[in-house]
Amino acid sequence: MLQELLAGSWLLYEQYTAPLGVGFMVRPGHHYGPDVDGYEYTPWGTYHFADRDGIGVDRTVATGTGFAGLYPEPWASLYESAETCPDELLLFFHHVPYTHRLHSGKTVIQHIYDSRADAFEQVLTLRPRWQQLEGRVPAALHARVTQLLRKQERSAEEWRDQLRTYFFRASGIPDASGRPIY
């Protein structure tokens, strides 16, 4: 169980912090907590280019920064096209409308809404699973990890609410599942 908790932690964190290859929506200076525009207008560059029409950074050779062309073939061609680019990297390489359909069939905006909400729900399962290890790991370690898991629950909730709200305001498209956006 311990290996399962640890092995899935990075993917779960990425699920609620970095939709489809967009990263670094964190508070400048300490990188904890969401700040969607934290680094968006800094000398470090931009990370999501979200506006009312879409999201993502055009890094294609044809119309963007050319970064996709720095990869060797067949990767350069794969990343150059929004149709062939893997979903998990789409917004890193392409600026697309919120209504763009992913390979999963979901729209970009619905993926953003769902992955934030689903990740929060998954985070809520971690602490009860960790509690099953009480007595099997050192008491001080168990207490510390329990404390950190509570912190992660608060963090995942904050990410869920702030990202869903931000992208709802940017896109004007409601969550098709009917979940509230705060």
Protein backbone atom coordinates (compact mmCIF):
# COMPACT_ATOMS: atom_id res chain seq x y z
CA MET A 1 0.00 0.00 0.00
CA LEU A 2 2.84 2.41 0.77
CA GLN A 3 4.33 1.99 -2.69
CA GLU A 4 0.89 2.54 -4.24
CA LEU A 5 0.42 5.80 -2.30
CA LEU A 6 3.84 7.09 -3.28
CA ALA A 7 3.78 5.95 -6.91
CA GLY A 8 0.52 7.75 -7.66
CA SER A 9 1.26 10.96 -5.81
CA TRP A 10 3.01 12.83 -8.63
CA LEU A 11 0.30 12.06 -11.19
CA LEU A 12 -2.37 13.13 -8.71
CA TYR A 13 -0.55 16.40 -7.97
CA GLU A 14 -0.17 17.05 -11.68
CA GLN A 15 -3.87 16.35 -12.17
CA TYR A 16 -4.92 19.25 -9.99
CA THR A 17 -2.08 21.67 -10.82
CA ALA A 18 -1.06 21.30 -14.49
CA PRO A 19 -3.85 20.76 -17.01
CA LEU A 20 -2.73 19.25 -20.33
CA GLY A 21 0.88 20.36 -20.12
CA VAL A 22 0.33 23.85 -18.76
CA GLY A 23 2.54 24.29 -15.77
CA PHE A 24 3.86 26.77 -13.28
CA MET A 25 0.58 28.35 -12.25
CA VAL A 26 2.08 28.83 -8.79
CA ARG A 27 2.76 31.74 -6.49
CA PRO A 28 6.05 33.41 -7.40
CA GLY A 29 8.80 33.22 -4.84
CA HIS A 30 7.80 30.06 -3.02
CA HIS A 31 5.82 28.02 -5.58
CA TYR A 32 3.20 26.79 -3.10
CA GLY A 33 -0.43 27.29 -3.86
CA PRO A 34 -2.19 28.31 -7.05
CA ASP A 35 -1.67 31.62 -8.77
CA VAL A 36 -2.85 31.17 -12.33
CA ASP A 37 -1.21 34.36 -13.55
CA GLY A 38 1.69 34.29 -11.08
CA TYR A 39 4.37 33.94 -13.72
CA GLU A 40 2.26 34.75 -16.75
CA TYR A 41 3.53 38.32 -17.16
CA THR A 42 7.06 38.01 -15.78
CA PRO A 43 10.44 37.99 -17.51
CA TRP A 44 10.40 34.20 -17.09
CA GLY A 45 7.79 34.04 -19.82
CA THR A 46 4.27 32.82 -20.16
CA TYR A 47 2.84 29.45 -19.43
CA HIS A 48 -0.80 29.36 -20.50
CA PHE A 49 -1.71 32.37 -22.69
CA ALA A 50 -5.33 31.92 -21.60
CA ASP A 51 -7.75 34.42 -23.03
CA ARG A 52 -11.45 34.41 -23.87
CA ASP A 53 -10.84 32.39 -27.03
CA GLY A 54 -8.55 29.62 -25.82
CA ILE A 55 -5.56 28.42 -23.88
CA GLY A 56 -2.04 27.16 -24.49
CA VAL A 57 1.23 28.39 -25.93
CA ASP A 58 1.86 28.04 -29.66
CA ARG A 59 5.29 26.44 -29.85
CA THR A 60 4.89 25.09 -33.38
CA VAL A 61 7.33 25.77 -36.19
CA ALA A 62 4.55 26.93 -38.52
CA THR A 63 3.03 29.70 -36.41
CA GLY A 64 4.67 29.78 -32.99
CA THR A 65 8.03 29.89 -31.26
CA GLY A 66 9.47 26.96 -33.23
CA PHE A 67 10.22 24.97 -30.09
CA ALA A 68 8.44 21.85 -31.40
CA GLY A 69 10.98 21.71 -34.22
CA LEU A 70 13.86 21.28 -31.79
CA TYR A 71 12.83 17.67 -31.17
CA PRO A 72 14.12 14.92 -33.45
CA GLU A 73 11.72 13.10 -35.74
CA PRO A 74 9.22 11.59 -35.31
CA TRP A 75 8.58 13.73 -32.19
CA ALA A 76 8.85 17.07 -33.97
CA SER A 77 6.06 16.16 -36.39
CA LEU A 78 3.99 14.60 -33.63
CA TYR A 79 4.14 17.76 -31.48
CA GLU A 80 3.71 20.13 -34.45
CA SER A 81 0.10 19.05 -35.03
CA ALA A 82 -2.66 19.58 -32.46
CA GLU A 83 -4.35 16.50 -33.88
CA THR A 84 -1.40 14.18 -33.18
CA CYS A 85 0.06 15.86 -30.09
CA PRO A 86 -0.56 13.76 -26.96
CA ASP A 87 -3.29 15.29 -24.80
CA GLU A 88 -0.99 15.59 -21.80
CA LEU A 89 1.26 17.96 -23.81
CA LEU A 90 -1.35 19.72 -25.95
CA LEU A 91 -1.34 23.09 -24.18
CA PHE A 92 2.42 23.11 -23.90
CA PHE A 93 2.69 23.05 -27.73
CA HIS A 94 -0.60 24.57 -28.94
CA HIS A 95 -3.01 27.41 -28.28
CA VAL A 96 -6.44 25.89 -28.87
CA PRO A 97 -10.06 26.92 -28.30
CA TYR A 98 -11.62 25.78 -25.02
CA THR A 99 -13.99 23.70 -27.15
CA HIS A 100 -11.14 21.76 -28.81
CA ARG A 101 -11.82 18.01 -28.52
CA LEU A 102 -9.14 15.89 -26.91
CA HIS A 103 -8.40 12.32 -27.95
CA SER A 104 -10.54 11.31 -24.95
CA GLY A 105 -13.53 13.04 -26.57
CA LYS A 106 -13.77 15.71 -23.86
CA THR A 107 -13.34 19.38 -24.59
CA VAL A 108 -10.29 21.12 -23.17
CA ILE A 109 -12.41 23.15 -20.75
CA GLN A 110 -14.32 20.11 -19.50
CA HIS A 111 -11.03 18.29 -18.93
CA ILE A 112 -9.81 21.25 -16.89
CA TYR A 113 -13.00 21.20 -14.81
CA ASP A 114 -13.12 17.42 -14.38
CA SER A 115 -9.47 16.79 -13.63
CA ARG A 116 -9.40 19.43 -10.87
CA ALA A 117 -12.58 18.09 -9.24
CA ASP A 118 -11.65 14.42 -9.68
CA ALA A 119 -8.14 14.95 -8.29
CA PHE A 120 -9.55 16.63 -5.18
CA GLU A 121 -11.84 13.64 -4.60
CA GLN A 122 -8.88 11.28 -5.03
CA VAL A 123 -6.77 13.27 -2.58
CA LEU A 124 -9.51 12.79 0.02
CA THR A 125 -8.91 9.01 -0.18
CA LEU A 126 -5.21 9.26 0.71
CA ARG A 127 -5.45 9.97 4.42
CA PRO A 128 -7.84 7.09 5.21
CA ARG A 129 -5.56 4.76 3.26
CA TRP A 130 -2.52 6.09 5.14
CA GLN A 131 -4.32 5.52 8.45
CA GLN A 132 -4.34 1.79 7.66
CA LEU A 133 -0.54 1.87 8.05
CA GLU A 134 -0.67 3.12 11.63
CA GLY A 135 1.50 0.87 13.79
CA ARG A 136 3.37 -0.43 10.75
CA VAL A 137 5.53 2.69 10.34
CA PRO A 138 7.24 4.74 13.06
CA ALA A 139 4.72 6.81 15.05
CA ALA A 140 6.47 10.13 14.41
CA LEU A 141 6.54 9.45 10.67
CA HIS A 142 2.88 8.44 10.70
CA ALA A 143 1.90 11.65 12.49
CA ARG A 144 3.96 13.83 10.15
CA VAL A 145 2.57 12.24 6.99
CA THR A 146 -0.97 12.54 8.38
CA GLN A 147 -0.33 16.25 8.92
CA LEU A 148 1.03 16.63 5.37
CA LEU A 149 -1.93 14.79 3.89
CA ARG A 150 -4.30 17.24 5.62
CA LYS A 151 -2.28 20.06 4.08
CA GLN A 152 -2.54 18.39 0.67
CA GLU A 153 -6.33 18.16 1.05
CA ARG A 154 -6.52 21.92 1.67
CA SER A 155 -4.15 22.57 -1.23
CA ALA A 156 -6.05 20.37 -3.69
CA GLU A 157 -9.29 22.09 -2.74
CA GLU A 158 -7.70 25.51 -3.27
CA TRP A 159 -6.32 24.45 -6.67
CA ARG A 160 -9.69 22.97 -7.67
CA ASP A 161 -11.64 26.08 -6.79
CA GLN A 162 -9.21 28.67 -8.13
CA LEU A 163 -8.45 26.98 -11.44
CA ARG A 164 -12.06 26.07 -12.18
CA THR A 165 -13.17 29.62 -11.35
CA TYR A 166 -10.38 31.24 -13.36
CA PHE A 167 -11.04 29.23 -16.50
CA PHE A 168 -14.81 29.60 -16.19
CA ARG A 169 -14.35 33.37 -16.08
CA ALA A 170 -11.91 33.26 -19.00
CA SER A 171 -14.01 30.96 -21.19
CA GLY A 172 -17.57 31.70 -20.10
CA ILE A 173 -18.30 27.99 -20.56
CA PRO A 174 -20.02 26.28 -17.60
CA ASP A 175 -19.07 22.87 -16.25
CA ALA A 176 -21.19 20.39 -18.23
CA SER A 177 -21.37 18.11 -15.18
CA GLY A 178 -23.25 20.78 -13.26
CA ARG A 179 -20.74 20.87 -10.39
CA PRO A 180 -20.61 24.28 -8.76
CA ILE A 181 -17.84 26.68 -9.64
CA TYR A 182 -17.00 28.98 -6.76
